[in-house]
């Protein structure tokens, strides 16, 4: 590859959308990254339909398109497009690179796959951290060996856990108050 592409990880990250509980990239962004017109990209997809099952690619609904246009500044012009765009999962993006078969598509695709892998690793690490903190929480609740002066710090830690759970869309369990129980807080 003769020339390094000026596509940063931040640019790639900005083009990853969260739709239907999946991380996807829209056809227009992938076409731009791969250096082909969106029309050509979609023609290749139609010619190779068997390579793109539903878990690799799907078409947005009108409501999803409207939401994407409202949230993503760089996709504002989609508002005027009469067609509904397609989105591709990580596997769909890999398949696209194989059917487009250009050096640029392959190079960009390698970067996209590495970015998806890095994102998965961050999520896995966050999940492990949440599990460890939950284990500590349960241990402390079971044993009640908490010094009164640490209650505020520990409560702040569990509020952070709850915020992380909300960000990740994980269910929140009701939590018993921690610390020393007075007659009014005993249950």
Protein backbone atom coordinates (compact mmCIF):
# COMPACT_ATOMS: atom_id res chain seq x y z
CA UNK A 1 0.00 0.00 0.00
CA UNK A 2 1.71 3.00 -1.30
CA UNK A 3 0.07 5.78 0.64
CA UNK A 4 -1.22 5.88 4.22
CA UNK A 5 -4.90 6.80 4.47
CA UNK A 6 -5.76 9.84 6.56
CA UNK A 7 -8.54 8.03 8.39
CA UNK A 8 -8.15 8.19 12.15
CA UNK A 9 -9.73 5.91 14.71
CA UNK A 10 -11.82 8.89 15.84
CA UNK A 11 -13.24 9.24 12.34
CA UNK A 12 -14.05 5.53 12.24
CA UNK A 13 -15.61 5.66 15.72
CA UNK A 14 -17.80 8.59 14.70
CA UNK A 15 -19.23 6.48 11.90
CA UNK A 16 -20.24 3.55 14.11
CA UNK A 17 -23.90 3.80 15.03
CA UNK A 18 -25.94 1.87 17.57
CA UNK A 19 -29.12 0.62 15.89
CA UNK A 20 -31.30 -2.35 16.94
CA UNK A 21 -28.86 -3.14 19.73
CA UNK A 22 -26.04 -3.60 17.23
CA UNK A 23 -23.02 -1.56 16.31
CA UNK A 24 -23.30 -0.81 12.60
CA UNK A 25 -21.99 1.45 9.87
CA UNK A 26 -24.24 3.06 7.28
CA UNK A 27 -23.74 2.30 3.56
CA UNK A 28 -22.90 5.91 2.72
CA UNK A 29 -20.11 6.11 5.31
CA UNK A 30 -18.62 2.77 4.26
CA UNK A 31 -18.72 3.78 0.60
CA UNK A 32 -16.89 7.00 1.44
CA UNK A 33 -14.30 5.13 3.52
CA UNK A 34 -13.80 2.47 0.83
CA UNK A 35 -13.51 5.13 -1.87
CA UNK A 36 -16.52 4.08 -3.97
CA UNK A 37 -19.88 5.70 -4.70
CA UNK A 38 -22.72 4.50 -2.43
CA UNK A 39 -24.64 3.43 -5.54
CA UNK A 40 -21.78 1.10 -6.60
CA UNK A 41 -21.49 -0.33 -3.09
CA UNK A 42 -25.20 -1.13 -2.99
CA UNK A 43 -25.09 -2.61 -6.52
CA UNK A 44 -22.34 -5.00 -5.39
CA UNK A 45 -24.38 -5.95 -2.34
CA UNK A 46 -27.43 -6.72 -4.53
CA UNK A 47 -25.28 -8.84 -6.86
CA UNK A 48 -23.94 -10.77 -3.87
CA UNK A 49 -27.10 -10.94 -1.74
CA UNK A 50 -26.28 -14.43 -0.39
CA UNK A 51 -23.20 -12.99 1.33
CA UNK A 52 -25.28 -10.57 3.42
CA UNK A 53 -27.70 -12.32 5.79
CA UNK A 54 -29.77 -10.23 8.19
CA UNK A 55 -27.10 -10.33 10.90
CA UNK A 56 -24.55 -8.83 8.45
CA UNK A 57 -26.75 -6.12 6.93
CA UNK A 58 -30.25 -4.68 7.16
CA UNK A 59 -32.19 -1.76 5.77
CA UNK A 60 -33.26 1.05 8.07
CA UNK A 61 -36.92 1.83 8.58
CA UNK A 62 -38.18 5.36 7.91
CA UNK A 63 -38.24 6.06 11.67
CA UNK A 64 -34.66 4.77 12.08
CA UNK A 65 -33.49 6.87 9.13
CA UNK A 66 -35.13 9.97 10.64
CA UNK A 67 -33.44 9.28 13.99
CA UNK A 68 -30.02 8.83 12.34
CA UNK A 69 -30.46 12.07 10.40
CA UNK A 70 -31.45 13.90 13.60
CA UNK A 71 -28.51 12.55 15.62
CA UNK A 72 -25.66 12.53 13.10
CA UNK A 73 -24.68 15.87 11.61
CA UNK A 74 -22.64 14.30 8.83
CA UNK A 75 -25.75 12.41 7.61
CA UNK A 76 -28.12 15.42 7.43
CA UNK A 77 -28.33 15.18 3.62
CA UNK A 78 -29.88 11.70 3.94
CA UNK A 79 -33.03 13.56 4.93
CA UNK A 80 -33.63 14.36 1.26
CA UNK A 81 -32.87 10.87 -0.06
CA UNK A 82 -35.98 8.95 -1.13
CA UNK A 83 -34.34 5.57 -0.39
CA UNK A 84 -33.77 3.95 2.96
CA UNK A 85 -30.08 3.29 3.65
CA UNK A 86 -28.55 -0.06 4.52
CA UNK A 87 -26.37 -0.59 7.57
CA UNK A 88 -23.65 -3.19 8.00
CA UNK A 89 -22.41 -4.96 11.10
CA UNK A 90 -18.72 -5.70 11.54
CA UNK A 91 -19.17 -8.95 9.59
CA UNK A 92 -21.05 -7.13 6.85
CA UNK A 93 -18.22 -4.60 6.55
CA UNK A 94 -15.73 -7.47 6.18
CA UNK A 95 -17.89 -9.02 3.48
CA UNK A 96 -18.13 -5.67 1.70
CA UNK A 97 -14.35 -5.40 1.53
CA UNK A 98 -14.18 -8.86 -0.01
CA UNK A 99 -16.66 -8.07 -2.79
CA UNK A 100 -15.24 -4.60 -3.51
CA UNK A 101 -11.75 -6.09 -3.55
CA UNK A 102 -9.74 -2.88 -3.81
CA UNK A 103 -6.57 -2.16 -1.86
CA UNK A 104 -8.25 0.79 -0.17
CA UNK A 105 -11.30 -1.29 0.84
CA UNK A 106 -9.05 -3.96 2.32
CA UNK A 107 -6.89 -1.44 4.19
CA UNK A 108 -9.86 0.45 5.63
CA UNK A 109 -11.56 -2.81 6.52
CA UNK A 110 -8.56 -4.05 8.49
CA UNK A 111 -8.72 -0.81 10.51
CA UNK A 112 -12.47 -1.20 11.07
CA UNK A 113 -12.08 -4.79 12.30
CA UNK A 114 -9.27 -3.75 14.68
CA UNK A 115 -11.45 -0.95 16.02
CA UNK A 116 -14.42 -3.29 16.58
CA UNK A 117 -12.07 -5.70 18.40
CA UNK A 118 -10.76 -2.89 20.60
CA UNK A 119 -14.32 -1.84 21.42
CA UNK A 120 -15.18 -5.43 22.39
CA UNK A 121 -12.13 -5.58 24.65
CA UNK A 122 -13.14 -2.36 26.40
CA UNK A 123 -16.65 -3.71 26.93
CA UNK A 124 -15.28 -7.02 28.25
CA UNK A 125 -12.98 -5.19 30.66
CA UNK A 126 -15.83 -2.96 31.85
CA UNK A 127 -18.03 -6.02 32.34
CA UNK A 128 -15.33 -7.72 34.43
CA UNK A 129 -14.95 -4.58 36.54
CA UNK A 130 -18.70 -4.38 37.09
CA UNK A 131 -18.81 -8.04 38.14
CA UNK A 132 -15.96 -7.56 40.62
CA UNK A 133 -17.61 -4.47 42.10
CA UNK A 134 -20.94 -6.30 42.38
CA UNK A 135 -19.17 -9.14 44.19
CA UNK A 136 -17.65 -6.65 46.65
CA UNK A 137 -21.05 -5.03 47.08
CA UNK A 138 -22.73 -8.35 47.90
CA UNK A 139 -19.91 -9.31 50.29
CA UNK A 140 -20.19 -6.03 52.15
CA UNK A 141 -23.97 -6.28 52.33
CA UNK A 142 -23.79 -9.84 53.66
CA UNK A 143 -21.14 -9.21 56.27
CA UNK A 144 -21.96 -5.65 57.31
CA UNK A 145 -18.35 -4.96 58.35
CA UNK A 146 -18.31 -1.40 57.09
CA UNK A 147 -16.90 1.45 59.09
CA UNK A 148 -19.22 4.39 59.36
CA UNK A 149 -16.69 6.91 58.01
CA UNK A 150 -16.44 4.99 54.70
CA UNK A 151 -20.18 4.95 53.97
CA UNK A 152 -20.09 8.07 51.75
CA UNK A 153 -17.15 6.82 49.70
CA UNK A 154 -18.66 3.38 49.23
CA UNK A 155 -22.06 4.81 48.34
CA UNK A 156 -20.37 7.02 45.68
CA UNK A 157 -18.69 3.90 44.28
CA UNK A 158 -22.01 2.09 43.99
CA UNK A 159 -23.61 5.11 42.34
CA UNK A 160 -20.83 4.91 39.75
CA UNK A 161 -21.61 1.21 39.27
CA UNK A 162 -25.26 2.08 38.71
CA UNK A 163 -24.30 4.73 36.14
CA UNK A 164 -22.12 2.20 34.27
CA UNK A 165 -24.98 -0.31 34.34
CA UNK A 166 -27.33 2.31 32.87
CA UNK A 167 -24.83 3.19 30.11
CA UNK A 168 -24.49 -0.48 29.20
CA UNK A 169 -28.25 -1.07 29.42
CA UNK A 170 -27.83 -3.65 32.19
CA UNK A 171 -30.69 -4.23 34.63
CA UNK A 172 -30.35 -2.59 38.01
CA UNK A 173 -31.14 -4.52 41.15
CA UNK A 174 -32.64 -2.71 44.13
CA UNK A 175 -29.91 -2.16 46.69
CA UNK A 176 -30.26 -2.30 50.49
CA UNK A 177 -28.72 0.68 52.27
CA UNK A 178 -25.19 -0.01 53.46
CA UNK A 179 -23.59 0.94 56.75
CA UNK A 180 -24.74 0.87 60.33
CA UNK A 181 -28.46 0.53 60.76
CA UNK A 182 -30.31 2.62 63.28
CA UNK A 183 -33.69 1.60 64.66
CA UNK A 184 -35.41 3.54 61.83
CA UNK A 185 -33.38 1.88 59.03
CA UNK A 186 -33.45 -1.73 60.30
CA UNK A 187 -35.64 -4.08 58.35
